[in-house]
Protein backbone atom coordinates (compact mmCIF):
# COMPACT_ATOMS: atom_id res chain seq x y z
CA MET A 1 0.00 0.00 0.00
CA SER A 2 1.56 3.30 -1.13
CA THR A 3 1.37 6.58 0.67
CA THR A 4 1.30 9.95 -0.98
CA ALA A 5 3.02 12.90 0.66
CA VAL A 6 0.87 15.95 0.77
CA ALA A 7 2.76 19.26 0.63
CA THR A 8 1.67 21.63 3.27
CA PRO A 9 2.03 25.32 2.57
CA ALA A 10 4.69 27.17 4.52
CA PRO A 11 3.32 29.21 7.35
CA ALA A 12 2.80 32.83 6.44
CA ALA A 13 5.41 35.20 7.75
CA PRO A 14 4.19 37.32 10.60
CA PRO A 15 3.41 40.87 9.59
CA PRO A 16 6.34 43.19 10.29
CA SER A 17 6.04 45.27 13.37
CA ARG A 18 5.45 48.92 12.66
CA TRP A 19 8.25 49.69 15.11
CA ARG A 20 10.79 47.37 13.49
CA ASP A 21 11.84 49.39 10.43
CA PRO A 22 12.33 52.71 12.25
CA VAL A 23 14.37 50.99 14.95
CA ILE A 24 16.52 49.25 12.33
CA ARG A 25 17.08 52.51 10.48
CA LEU A 26 17.94 54.26 13.71
CA GLY A 27 20.42 51.54 14.61
CA ARG A 28 22.06 51.70 11.20
CA ALA A 29 22.27 55.48 11.40
CA GLY A 30 23.87 55.24 14.83
CA ASP A 31 26.34 52.66 13.56
CA ARG A 32 27.27 54.88 10.60
CA ALA A 33 27.68 57.88 12.90
CA ALA A 34 29.94 55.93 15.25
CA ARG A 35 32.06 54.63 12.37
CA ASP A 36 32.27 58.12 10.88
CA ALA A 37 33.33 59.63 14.21
CA TYR A 38 36.01 56.95 14.58
CA GLU A 39 37.35 57.57 11.07
CA VAL A 40 37.40 61.33 11.62
CA THR A 41 39.26 60.91 14.92
CA VAL A 42 41.88 58.61 13.39
CA PHE A 43 42.35 60.84 10.34
CA LEU A 44 42.54 63.94 12.52
CA ALA A 45 45.24 62.36 14.69
CA ARG A 46 47.26 61.40 11.61
CA ALA A 47 46.86 64.85 10.09
CA VAL A 48 47.86 66.65 13.29
CA ASN A 49 50.89 64.39 13.64
CA ALA A 50 51.97 64.98 10.03
CA THR A 51 51.40 68.74 10.27
CA ALA A 52 53.30 69.04 13.56
CA LYS A 53 56.13 66.97 12.08
CA ALA A 54 56.34 69.30 9.08
CA ILE A 55 56.35 72.41 11.29
CA VAL A 56 58.95 71.08 13.74
CA ARG A 57 61.16 69.69 10.97
CA PRO A 58 61.02 72.18 8.08
CA ARG A 59 62.75 69.77 5.71
CA TYR A 60 59.45 67.91 5.51
CA LEU A 61 57.65 71.06 4.37
CA ARG A 62 56.80 71.13 0.68
CA LEU A 63 56.98 74.88 0.21
CA SER A 64 56.16 74.82 -3.49
CA ALA A 65 52.99 72.83 -2.82
CA ILE A 66 52.01 75.15 0.04
CA SER A 67 52.56 78.27 -2.09
CA ARG A 68 50.46 76.74 -4.86
CA GLN A 69 47.64 76.09 -2.40
CA VAL A 70 47.89 79.66 -1.10
CA ALA A 71 47.50 80.97 -4.65
CA GLU A 72 44.61 78.68 -5.51
CA THR A 73 42.66 79.04 -2.27
CA GLY A 74 43.50 82.67 -1.53
CA VAL A 75 44.41 84.86 -4.49
CA ASN A 76 41.84 83.33 -6.83
CA ALA A 77 39.10 83.74 -4.23
CA LEU A 78 39.61 87.47 -3.62
CA PRO A 79 37.04 88.80 -6.14
CA THR A 80 34.28 86.49 -4.93
CA VAL A 81 35.00 87.12 -1.24
CA GLY A 82 35.14 90.89 -1.74
CA LEU A 83 31.88 91.06 -3.69
CA LEU A 84 30.07 88.79 -1.24
CA ALA A 85 31.29 90.82 1.76
CA ILE A 86 30.05 94.05 0.19
CA MET A 87 26.65 92.54 -0.56
CA ILE A 88 26.27 91.18 2.98
CA SER A 89 27.21 94.53 4.53
CA VAL A 90 24.72 96.29 2.24
CA VAL A 91 21.96 93.95 3.44
CA ILE A 92 22.91 94.49 7.10
CA ALA A 93 23.01 98.27 6.64
CA TYR A 94 19.66 98.42 4.86
CA GLN A 95 17.96 96.28 7.49
CA GLY A 96 19.66 98.20 10.28
CA VAL A 97 18.45 101.55 8.99
CA ALA A 98 14.93 100.21 8.49
CA GLN A 99 14.68 98.81 12.02
CA LEU A 100 16.59 101.49 13.97
CA ARG A 101 14.93 104.46 12.29
CA GLY A 102 11.75 103.74 14.22
CA PHE A 103 13.68 104.35 17.46
CA GLY A 104 15.48 107.43 16.14
CA VAL A 105 18.91 105.82 16.41
CA GLU A 106 19.62 104.97 12.77
CA ASN A 107 23.18 106.27 13.19
CA LEU A 108 23.88 103.09 15.16
CA THR A 109 23.70 101.27 11.83
CA VAL A 110 27.39 102.08 11.40
CA ASP A 111 28.17 100.34 14.69
CA LEU A 112 26.00 97.38 13.69
CA VAL A 113 27.77 96.90 10.35
CA ALA A 114 31.27 97.31 11.77
CA VAL A 115 30.86 95.02 14.78
CA SER A 116 28.91 92.31 12.96
CA MET A 117 31.38 92.18 10.06
CA LEU A 118 34.48 92.08 12.25
CA ARG A 119 33.22 89.60 14.83
CA GLU A 120 30.90 87.29 12.92
CA MET A 121 29.87 87.83 9.34
CA GLY A 122 33.29 88.46 7.79
CA VAL A 123 34.84 85.19 8.93
CA LEU A 124 31.61 83.19 8.63
CA ILE A 125 30.76 84.06 5.04
CA THR A 126 34.41 83.65 4.05
CA ALA A 127 34.62 80.22 5.67
CA ILE A 128 31.38 79.06 4.05
CA LEU A 129 32.56 80.28 0.65
CA VAL A 130 35.94 78.59 1.08
CA ALA A 131 34.24 75.37 2.23
CA GLY A 132 32.17 75.29 -0.94
CA ARG A 133 35.08 76.28 -3.15
CA SER A 134 38.32 74.90 -1.72
CA GLY A 135 36.83 72.10 0.37
CA ALA A 136 35.14 70.71 -2.72
CA ALA A 137 38.34 71.11 -4.73
CA PHE A 138 40.38 69.21 -2.12
CA ALA A 139 37.91 66.33 -2.06
CA ALA A 140 37.65 66.17 -5.86
CA GLU A 141 41.40 66.41 -6.55
CA ILE A 142 42.38 63.78 -4.02
CA GLY A 143 39.37 61.66 -4.96
CA VAL A 144 40.40 61.56 -8.61
CA MET A 145 43.93 60.60 -7.57
CA LYS A 146 42.50 57.86 -5.36
CA SER A 147 40.29 56.50 -8.15
CA ARG A 148 43.31 56.36 -10.48
CA GLU A 149 45.34 54.58 -7.77
CA GLU A 150 47.86 57.42 -7.67
CA VAL A 151 47.60 57.56 -3.88
CA ASP A 152 48.49 53.86 -3.70
CA ALA A 153 51.42 54.54 -6.02
CA LEU A 154 52.72 57.21 -3.63
CA THR A 155 52.59 54.70 -0.77
CA VAL A 156 54.45 52.10 -2.85
CA MET A 157 57.18 54.67 -3.59
CA GLY A 158 57.58 55.32 0.13
CA ILE A 159 55.90 58.74 0.10
CA ASP A 160 53.41 59.41 2.87
CA PRO A 161 50.14 60.65 1.31
CA MET A 162 49.48 62.71 4.43
CA GLU A 163 52.76 64.54 3.95
CA MET A 164 52.33 64.93 0.20
CA LEU A 165 48.61 65.65 -0.17
CA VAL A 166 47.12 66.69 3.16
CA VAL A 167 49.71 68.85 4.95
CA PRO A 168 50.22 71.38 2.10
CA ARG A 169 46.47 71.87 1.80
CA VAL A 170 45.99 72.25 5.54
CA LEU A 171 48.83 74.74 5.99
CA GLY A 172 47.98 76.62 2.80
CA LEU A 173 44.36 77.12 3.83
CA MET A 174 45.34 78.06 7.39
CA ILE A 175 47.47 80.83 5.90
CA THR A 176 44.92 82.13 3.41
CA LEU A 177 41.66 82.05 5.37
CA PRO A 178 42.75 84.66 7.99
CA LEU A 179 43.94 86.90 5.14
CA LEU A 180 40.68 86.42 3.26
CA THR A 181 38.79 87.17 6.47
CA PHE A 182 40.64 90.45 6.93
CA PHE A 183 39.95 91.33 3.30
CA ALA A 184 36.25 90.52 3.79
CA ASP A 185 36.17 92.73 6.90
CA VAL A 186 37.62 95.66 4.97
CA MET A 187 35.28 95.21 2.02
CA GLY A 188 32.31 94.85 4.36
CA ILE A 189 33.12 98.15 6.04
CA VAL A 190 33.48 99.75 2.59
CA GLY A 191 30.05 98.42 1.62
CA GLY A 192 28.56 99.83 4.81
CA SER A 193 30.11 103.20 4.00
CA LEU A 194 28.37 103.31 0.63
CA ILE A 195 24.96 102.72 2.20
CA SER A 196 25.65 105.17 5.02
CA GLN A 197 26.42 107.89 2.50
CA SER A 198 23.23 107.30 0.53
CA LEU A 199 20.77 106.70 3.39
CA LEU A 200 22.29 108.47 6.40
CA HIS A 201 24.23 111.19 4.55
CA VAL A 202 27.35 110.34 6.53
CA SER A 203 30.63 111.35 4.90
CA PRO A 204 33.45 108.77 4.58
CA LEU A 205 35.52 110.56 7.24
CA GLN A 206 32.59 110.64 9.65
CA TYR A 207 31.90 106.99 8.89
CA LEU A 208 35.49 105.95 9.63
CA ASP A 209 35.49 107.99 12.84
CA ARG A 210 32.28 106.27 13.92
CA VAL A 211 33.75 102.84 13.10
CA HIS A 212 36.88 103.70 15.09
CA ASN A 213 34.77 104.58 18.13
CA ALA A 214 32.46 101.56 17.77
CA VAL A 215 35.03 98.76 17.55
CA ASP A 216 38.29 97.89 19.23
CA THR A 217 41.11 95.46 18.66
CA SER A 218 39.29 92.59 20.36
CA ASP A 219 36.50 92.71 17.76
CA LEU A 220 39.03 92.21 14.97
CA LEU A 221 40.91 89.51 16.87
CA VAL A 222 37.75 87.53 17.60
CA GLY A 223 37.12 87.08 13.89
CA LEU A 224 40.74 86.42 12.99
CA LEU A 225 41.17 83.82 15.74
CA LYS A 226 38.30 81.77 14.33
CA ALA A 227 39.73 81.70 10.82
CA PRO A 228 42.63 79.22 11.31
CA VAL A 229 40.34 76.81 13.16
CA PHE A 230 37.74 76.96 10.38
CA ALA A 231 40.49 76.51 7.78
CA PHE A 232 41.85 73.44 9.56
CA VAL A 233 38.41 71.85 9.75
CA ILE A 234 37.58 72.58 6.10
CA ALA A 235 40.90 71.20 4.84
CA ILE A 236 40.75 68.08 7.01
CA ILE A 237 37.18 67.24 5.98
CA GLY A 238 37.91 67.82 2.30
CA CYS A 239 41.06 65.69 2.28
CA MET A 240 39.47 62.93 4.35
CA HIS A 241 36.52 62.55 2.01
CA GLY A 242 38.84 62.63 -0.98
CA LEU A 243 40.77 59.69 0.43
CA ARG A 244 37.48 57.85 1.02
CA VAL A 245 36.78 57.58 -2.71
CA ARG A 246 36.43 54.00 -3.93
CA GLY A 247 37.06 53.60 -7.64
CA SER A 248 34.23 55.20 -9.57
CA ALA A 249 33.48 58.73 -10.72
CA GLY A 250 30.18 58.56 -8.85
CA SER A 251 32.09 58.01 -5.63
CA VAL A 252 34.09 61.19 -6.29
CA GLY A 253 30.87 63.18 -6.64
CA ARG A 254 29.30 61.71 -3.52
CA GLU A 255 32.34 62.30 -1.33
CA THR A 256 32.76 65.84 -2.66
CA THR A 257 29.15 66.65 -1.79
CA ARG A 258 29.54 65.14 1.68
CA ALA A 259 32.73 67.13 2.25
CA VAL A 260 31.04 70.43 1.42
CA VAL A 261 27.93 69.75 3.51
CA LYS A 262 29.90 68.51 6.49
CA SER A 263 32.38 71.41 6.33
CA ILE A 264 29.67 74.08 6.25
CA PHE A 265 27.78 72.35 9.07
CA LEU A 266 30.88 72.16 11.28
CA VAL A 267 31.86 75.76 10.53
CA ILE A 268 28.46 77.01 11.70
CA VAL A 269 28.55 74.80 14.81
CA LEU A 270 32.06 75.97 15.69
CA ASP A 271 31.07 79.59 15.14
CA ALA A 272 28.22 79.18 17.63
CA LEU A 273 30.56 77.56 20.16
CA PHE A 274 33.10 80.35 19.67
CA SER A 275 30.40 82.96 20.28
CA ILE A 276 29.45 81.31 23.57
CA PHE A 277 33.10 80.96 24.59
CA PHE A 278 34.03 84.56 23.81
CA ASP A 279 30.95 85.77 25.68
CA LYS A 280 31.98 83.75 28.75
CA VAL A 281 35.55 85.11 28.71
CA GLY A 282 34.39 88.67 28.10
CA LEU A 283 35.62 89.21 24.55
């Protein structure tokens, strides 16, 4: 007597919990954030070590590469930085006059423009512009080299990529960003002067005298002290994402975009922290 096996259908999978997918996504996001923080910490330590080594032992400095970075990140950015600083100061002056006129103190617009440009806006707009311009260039240049295996070739030849690719960009940008910030401060004050002449009928000499009375050395130093820190962060993020590229042109684009977004985000966060710190120490 033969028996026939009857196939039984597999039990239906239980419906997914509505909490499962969000929890999984949250866990994956946390894992990515932890890995990213670890990679940034390791890369930062390597970059600081290589930069300190180059400063302490000048024979490791590649002066030609540094000067090239100064020209590319600084000199070529002057027109854009100057125009943007003038436009920002014009906006601040217009809004200042419109708001302060109701209180009869529109002359304080000069103080508003001078202090805001020297302490905050000059360095902030310059850093954001440099992050979008030079940070993207660093990531793209190194990313293309990584996709062509040129970085691996440097390692095979006994050349440290940090020393060859990262240090010149870090030092070059740390030199140029304070200079660009000072240039932006000057152009911002010039832009405020133009609006003050047209709306407040303040002569250039009266404007400069008012600026001299409104600001002091600490206002200028606050902005200039932020600039090297912002430059270091922008250069490190750009170089790190360039070295993260894996093979394809699409990877170069993705890492360049991430470098720009992350640099601008960190610049704004650091600027807020600096503002709190300087307020606590009385600057």
